[in-house]
Amino acid sequence: MVRALDTGIVDRVFANEDMAYKEKAMISPNMTRKFLLPSWKRWATEAKQAGVPLVDEDSDGFIGELIPIWIEAGIDVCDPIKVAAGNDVVEYRKKFGKK
């Protein structure tokens, strides 16, 4: 069995899930932790063990309540971060630093 991470140099793993509406996450943070965090942790761990430097989550909407869960999972970045959905990137930087 050939795994994608074993076939060459991978510079980014990109998950395109759109986890949030304009005002809140699509499912509660508790449900996100229960149902999604285990998979995200596994993906991020496997990617980083294979030498992938960046695990990237795509999500539109308000992501403020999801960021701590993504950090816990090992996800490095979210893009885009939409100001029109109430995201304050300056505040996120103060709260989460470079995590």
N, C-alpha and C. Protein backbone atom coordinates (compact mmCIF):
# COMPACT_ATOMS: atom_id res chain seq x y z
N MET A 1 0.84 -1.18 0.00
CA MET A 1 0.00 0.00 0.00
C MET A 1 0.89 1.25 0.00
N VAL A 2 0.66 2.15 -0.91
CA VAL A 2 1.41 3.40 -1.00
C VAL A 2 0.58 4.51 -0.39
N ARG A 3 1.18 5.21 0.55
CA ARG A 3 0.50 6.34 1.18
C ARG A 3 0.93 7.63 0.50
N ALA A 4 0.02 8.57 0.39
CA ALA A 4 0.31 9.85 -0.27
C ALA A 4 1.50 10.55 0.36
N LEU A 5 1.61 10.50 1.68
CA LEU A 5 2.70 11.20 2.36
C LEU A 5 4.06 10.54 2.12
N ASP A 6 4.06 9.31 1.58
CA ASP A 6 5.31 8.61 1.30
C ASP A 6 5.77 8.77 -0.14
N THR A 7 5.01 9.45 -0.97
CA THR A 7 5.31 9.47 -2.41
C THR A 7 6.18 10.64 -2.85
N GLY A 8 6.39 11.60 -2.02
CA GLY A 8 7.20 12.75 -2.42
C GLY A 8 7.24 13.78 -1.33
N ILE A 9 7.66 14.96 -1.67
CA ILE A 9 7.74 16.06 -0.71
C ILE A 9 6.39 16.77 -0.68
N VAL A 10 5.80 16.80 0.48
CA VAL A 10 4.51 17.47 0.67
C VAL A 10 4.77 18.70 1.52
N ASP A 11 4.39 19.88 1.00
CA ASP A 11 4.67 21.10 1.76
C ASP A 11 3.47 21.60 2.55
N ARG A 12 2.29 20.99 2.33
CA ARG A 12 1.11 21.44 3.07
C ARG A 12 0.02 20.40 2.95
N VAL A 13 -0.65 20.14 4.06
CA VAL A 13 -1.89 19.36 4.05
C VAL A 13 -3.01 20.37 4.23
N PHE A 14 -3.98 20.32 3.35
CA PHE A 14 -5.05 21.32 3.32
C PHE A 14 -6.40 20.63 3.52
N ALA A 15 -7.10 20.99 4.59
CA ALA A 15 -8.44 20.46 4.85
C ALA A 15 -9.45 21.55 4.53
N ASN A 16 -10.36 21.25 3.65
CA ASN A 16 -11.36 22.22 3.22
C ASN A 16 -12.70 21.81 3.79
N GLU A 17 -13.05 22.36 4.96
CA GLU A 17 -14.24 21.90 5.65
C GLU A 17 -15.30 22.96 5.92
N ASP A 18 -14.98 24.22 5.78
CA ASP A 18 -15.95 25.27 6.08
C ASP A 18 -16.80 24.94 7.31
N MET A 19 -16.19 25.13 8.47
CA MET A 19 -16.79 24.73 9.74
C MET A 19 -17.66 25.78 10.41
N ALA A 20 -17.85 26.95 9.79
CA ALA A 20 -18.56 28.00 10.51
C ALA A 20 -19.50 28.80 9.60
N TYR A 21 -20.56 29.27 10.22
CA TYR A 21 -21.45 30.24 9.59
C TYR A 21 -20.91 31.64 9.88
N LYS A 22 -21.63 32.64 9.45
CA LYS A 22 -21.17 34.01 9.66
C LYS A 22 -21.05 34.36 11.14
N GLU A 23 -21.92 33.80 11.99
CA GLU A 23 -21.93 34.20 13.40
C GLU A 23 -21.43 33.15 14.38
N LYS A 24 -21.30 31.90 13.96
CA LYS A 24 -20.89 30.83 14.88
C LYS A 24 -20.47 29.59 14.11
N ALA A 25 -19.92 28.63 14.85
CA ALA A 25 -19.53 27.35 14.26
C ALA A 25 -20.79 26.58 13.85
N MET A 26 -20.64 25.69 12.87
CA MET A 26 -21.77 24.89 12.40
C MET A 26 -22.23 23.87 13.43
N ILE A 27 -21.30 23.36 14.22
CA ILE A 27 -21.65 22.49 15.34
C ILE A 27 -20.95 23.04 16.57
N SER A 28 -21.45 22.70 17.73
CA SER A 28 -20.92 23.28 18.96
C SER A 28 -19.45 22.87 19.17
N PRO A 29 -18.73 23.68 19.93
CA PRO A 29 -17.36 23.29 20.26
C PRO A 29 -17.28 21.91 20.92
N ASN A 30 -18.25 21.57 21.77
CA ASN A 30 -18.25 20.24 22.40
C ASN A 30 -18.39 19.13 21.36
N MET A 31 -19.29 19.31 20.41
CA MET A 31 -19.46 18.31 19.36
C MET A 31 -18.23 18.27 18.45
N THR A 32 -17.64 19.43 18.20
CA THR A 32 -16.43 19.48 17.38
C THR A 32 -15.32 18.67 18.05
N ARG A 33 -15.16 18.86 19.35
CA ARG A 33 -14.15 18.10 20.09
C ARG A 33 -14.44 16.59 20.05
N LYS A 34 -15.68 16.24 20.21
CA LYS A 34 -16.05 14.82 20.26
C LYS A 34 -15.90 14.14 18.90
N PHE A 35 -16.41 14.76 17.86
CA PHE A 35 -16.50 14.08 16.56
C PHE A 35 -15.37 14.39 15.59
N LEU A 36 -14.77 15.56 15.69
CA LEU A 36 -13.77 15.96 14.69
C LEU A 36 -12.34 16.00 15.23
N LEU A 37 -12.18 16.40 16.47
CA LEU A 37 -10.83 16.53 17.03
C LEU A 37 -10.00 15.26 16.89
N PRO A 38 -10.54 14.07 17.15
CA PRO A 38 -9.70 12.87 16.99
C PRO A 38 -9.14 12.70 15.58
N SER A 39 -9.95 12.94 14.58
CA SER A 39 -9.47 12.82 13.19
C SER A 39 -8.45 13.90 12.88
N TRP A 40 -8.74 15.14 13.27
CA TRP A 40 -7.81 16.23 13.01
C TRP A 40 -6.45 15.96 13.65
N LYS A 41 -6.47 15.46 14.90
CA LYS A 41 -5.21 15.15 15.59
C LYS A 41 -4.44 14.08 14.82
N ARG A 42 -5.14 13.05 14.38
CA ARG A 42 -4.48 11.98 13.63
C ARG A 42 -3.87 12.51 12.34
N TRP A 43 -4.64 13.30 11.59
CA TRP A 43 -4.14 13.86 10.33
C TRP A 43 -2.91 14.72 10.57
N ALA A 44 -3.00 15.62 11.54
CA ALA A 44 -1.89 16.55 11.81
C ALA A 44 -0.65 15.79 12.29
N THR A 45 -0.85 14.81 13.15
CA THR A 45 0.28 14.02 13.66
C THR A 45 0.96 13.26 12.53
N GLU A 46 0.17 12.59 11.70
CA GLU A 46 0.75 11.84 10.58
C GLU A 46 1.47 12.76 9.60
N ALA A 47 0.87 13.90 9.33
CA ALA A 47 1.49 14.85 8.40
C ALA A 47 2.83 15.34 8.95
N LYS A 48 2.85 15.72 10.20
CA LYS A 48 4.08 16.27 10.79
C LYS A 48 5.15 15.20 10.92
N GLN A 49 4.74 13.96 11.23
CA GLN A 49 5.72 12.87 11.30
C GLN A 49 6.33 12.59 9.92
N ALA A 50 5.58 12.90 8.86
CA ALA A 50 6.08 12.71 7.50
C ALA A 50 6.88 13.91 7.01
N GLY A 51 7.03 14.92 7.87
CA GLY A 51 7.83 16.09 7.51
C GLY A 51 7.06 17.23 6.87
N VAL A 52 5.74 17.16 6.89
CA VAL A 52 4.93 18.24 6.33
C VAL A 52 4.98 19.42 7.31
N PRO A 53 5.42 20.58 6.88
CA PRO A 53 5.58 21.70 7.81
C PRO A 53 4.29 22.46 8.13
N LEU A 54 3.25 22.28 7.32
CA LEU A 54 2.06 23.12 7.49
C LEU A 54 0.77 22.31 7.32
N VAL A 55 -0.07 22.35 8.34
CA VAL A 55 -1.41 21.78 8.26
C VAL A 55 -2.37 22.95 8.25
N ASP A 56 -3.16 23.06 7.19
CA ASP A 56 -3.96 24.24 6.89
C ASP A 56 -5.44 23.87 6.85
N GLU A 57 -6.24 24.60 7.56
CA GLU A 57 -7.69 24.40 7.60
C GLU A 57 -8.36 25.55 6.86
N ASP A 58 -9.25 25.24 5.95
CA ASP A 58 -10.05 26.26 5.28
C ASP A 58 -11.40 26.32 5.97
N SER A 59 -11.79 27.50 6.38
CA SER A 59 -13.14 27.65 6.94
C SER A 59 -13.58 29.09 6.80
N ASP A 60 -14.75 29.24 6.25
CA ASP A 60 -15.37 30.56 6.20
C ASP A 60 -16.11 30.79 7.51
N GLY A 61 -16.62 31.98 7.70
CA GLY A 61 -17.44 32.29 8.86
C GLY A 61 -16.65 32.66 10.09
N PHE A 62 -17.36 32.73 11.22
CA PHE A 62 -16.75 33.11 12.49
C PHE A 62 -16.06 31.89 13.10
N ILE A 63 -14.74 31.96 13.24
CA ILE A 63 -13.95 30.82 13.68
C ILE A 63 -13.39 30.94 15.09
N GLY A 64 -13.76 32.01 15.80
CA GLY A 64 -13.19 32.27 17.12
C GLY A 64 -13.29 31.11 18.09
N GLU A 65 -14.41 30.41 18.09
CA GLU A 65 -14.57 29.31 19.03
C GLU A 65 -13.92 28.01 18.54
N LEU A 66 -13.48 27.99 17.28
CA LEU A 66 -12.83 26.81 16.73
C LEU A 66 -11.32 26.86 16.83
N ILE A 67 -10.75 28.04 16.88
CA ILE A 67 -9.29 28.18 16.89
C ILE A 67 -8.63 27.38 18.01
N PRO A 68 -9.11 27.42 19.25
CA PRO A 68 -8.44 26.63 20.30
C PRO A 68 -8.46 25.13 20.00
N ILE A 69 -9.52 24.65 19.37
CA ILE A 69 -9.63 23.23 19.04
C ILE A 69 -8.64 22.89 17.93
N TRP A 70 -8.51 23.77 16.95
CA TRP A 70 -7.55 23.54 15.87
C TRP A 70 -6.12 23.54 16.41
N ILE A 71 -5.83 24.43 17.32
CA ILE A 71 -4.49 24.47 17.93
C ILE A 71 -4.23 23.16 18.65
N GLU A 72 -5.21 22.70 19.42
CA GLU A 72 -5.09 21.43 20.13
C GLU A 72 -4.86 20.26 19.16
N ALA A 73 -5.48 20.32 18.00
CA ALA A 73 -5.36 19.25 17.02
C ALA A 73 -4.01 19.27 16.30
N GLY A 74 -3.32 20.40 16.34
CA GLY A 74 -2.06 20.52 15.62
C GLY A 74 -2.18 21.22 14.29
N ILE A 75 -3.33 21.83 14.04
CA ILE A 75 -3.54 22.60 12.81
C ILE A 75 -2.82 23.93 12.98
N ASP A 76 -2.07 24.31 11.95
CA ASP A 76 -1.20 25.49 12.04
C ASP A 76 -1.84 26.79 11.59
N VAL A 77 -2.76 26.73 10.65
CA VAL A 77 -3.27 27.96 10.05
C VAL A 77 -4.69 27.73 9.54
N CYS A 78 -5.46 28.80 9.53
CA CYS A 78 -6.78 28.79 8.91
C CYS A 78 -6.81 29.90 7.88
N ASP A 79 -7.33 29.58 6.73
CA ASP A 79 -7.54 30.63 5.74
C ASP A 79 -8.79 30.31 4.94
N PRO A 80 -9.53 31.32 4.57
CA PRO A 80 -9.33 32.73 4.91
C PRO A 80 -9.86 33.01 6.31
N ILE A 81 -9.51 34.15 6.84
CA ILE A 81 -10.12 34.64 8.08
C ILE A 81 -10.90 35.88 7.69
N LYS A 82 -12.20 35.72 7.66
CA LYS A 82 -13.07 36.77 7.11
C LYS A 82 -13.49 37.78 8.17
N VAL A 83 -13.08 39.01 7.97
CA VAL A 83 -13.44 40.10 8.88
C VAL A 83 -14.95 40.34 8.84
N ALA A 84 -15.57 40.16 7.68
CA ALA A 84 -17.01 40.37 7.54
C ALA A 84 -17.83 39.40 8.40
N ALA A 85 -17.21 38.32 8.87
CA ALA A 85 -17.89 37.37 9.75
C ALA A 85 -17.63 37.65 11.22
N GLY A 86 -17.00 38.79 11.52
CA GLY A 86 -16.76 39.16 12.90
C GLY A 86 -15.43 38.69 13.46
N ASN A 87 -14.57 38.16 12.61
CA ASN A 87 -13.25 37.73 13.07
C ASN A 87 -12.34 38.94 13.23
N ASP A 88 -11.65 39.00 14.35
CA ASP A 88 -10.73 40.09 14.65
C ASP A 88 -9.32 39.51 14.71
N VAL A 89 -8.58 39.61 13.61
CA VAL A 89 -7.27 38.97 13.55
C VAL A 89 -6.28 39.56 14.55
N VAL A 90 -6.42 40.82 14.86
CA VAL A 90 -5.54 41.44 15.87
C VAL A 90 -5.81 40.82 17.23
N GLU A 91 -7.07 40.67 17.58
CA GLU A 91 -7.44 40.05 18.85
C GLU A 91 -7.00 38.59 18.90
N TYR A 92 -7.18 37.86 17.79
CA TYR A 92 -6.72 36.46 17.74
C TYR A 92 -5.22 36.37 17.99
N ARG A 93 -4.47 37.28 17.40
CA ARG A 93 -3.01 37.26 17.59
C ARG A 93 -2.66 37.50 19.06
N LYS A 94 -3.38 38.46 19.69
CA LYS A 94 -3.14 38.73 21.12
C LYS A 94 -3.48 37.50 21.96
N LYS A 95 -4.59 36.86 21.64
CA LYS A 95 -5.08 35.73 22.44
C LYS A 95 -4.28 34.45 22.21
N PHE A 96 -3.92 34.18 20.96
CA PHE A 96 -3.31 32.89 20.63
C PHE A 96 -1.83 32.98 20.24
N GLY A 97 -1.30 34.19 20.11
CA GLY A 97 0.10 34.34 19.74
C GLY A 97 0.39 33.70 18.40
N LYS A 98 1.47 32.97 18.31
CA LYS A 98 1.84 32.30 17.06
C LYS A 98 1.43 30.84 17.05
N LYS A 99 0.54 30.47 17.97
CA LYS A 99 0.06 29.09 18.02
C LYS A 99 -0.73 28.74 16.78
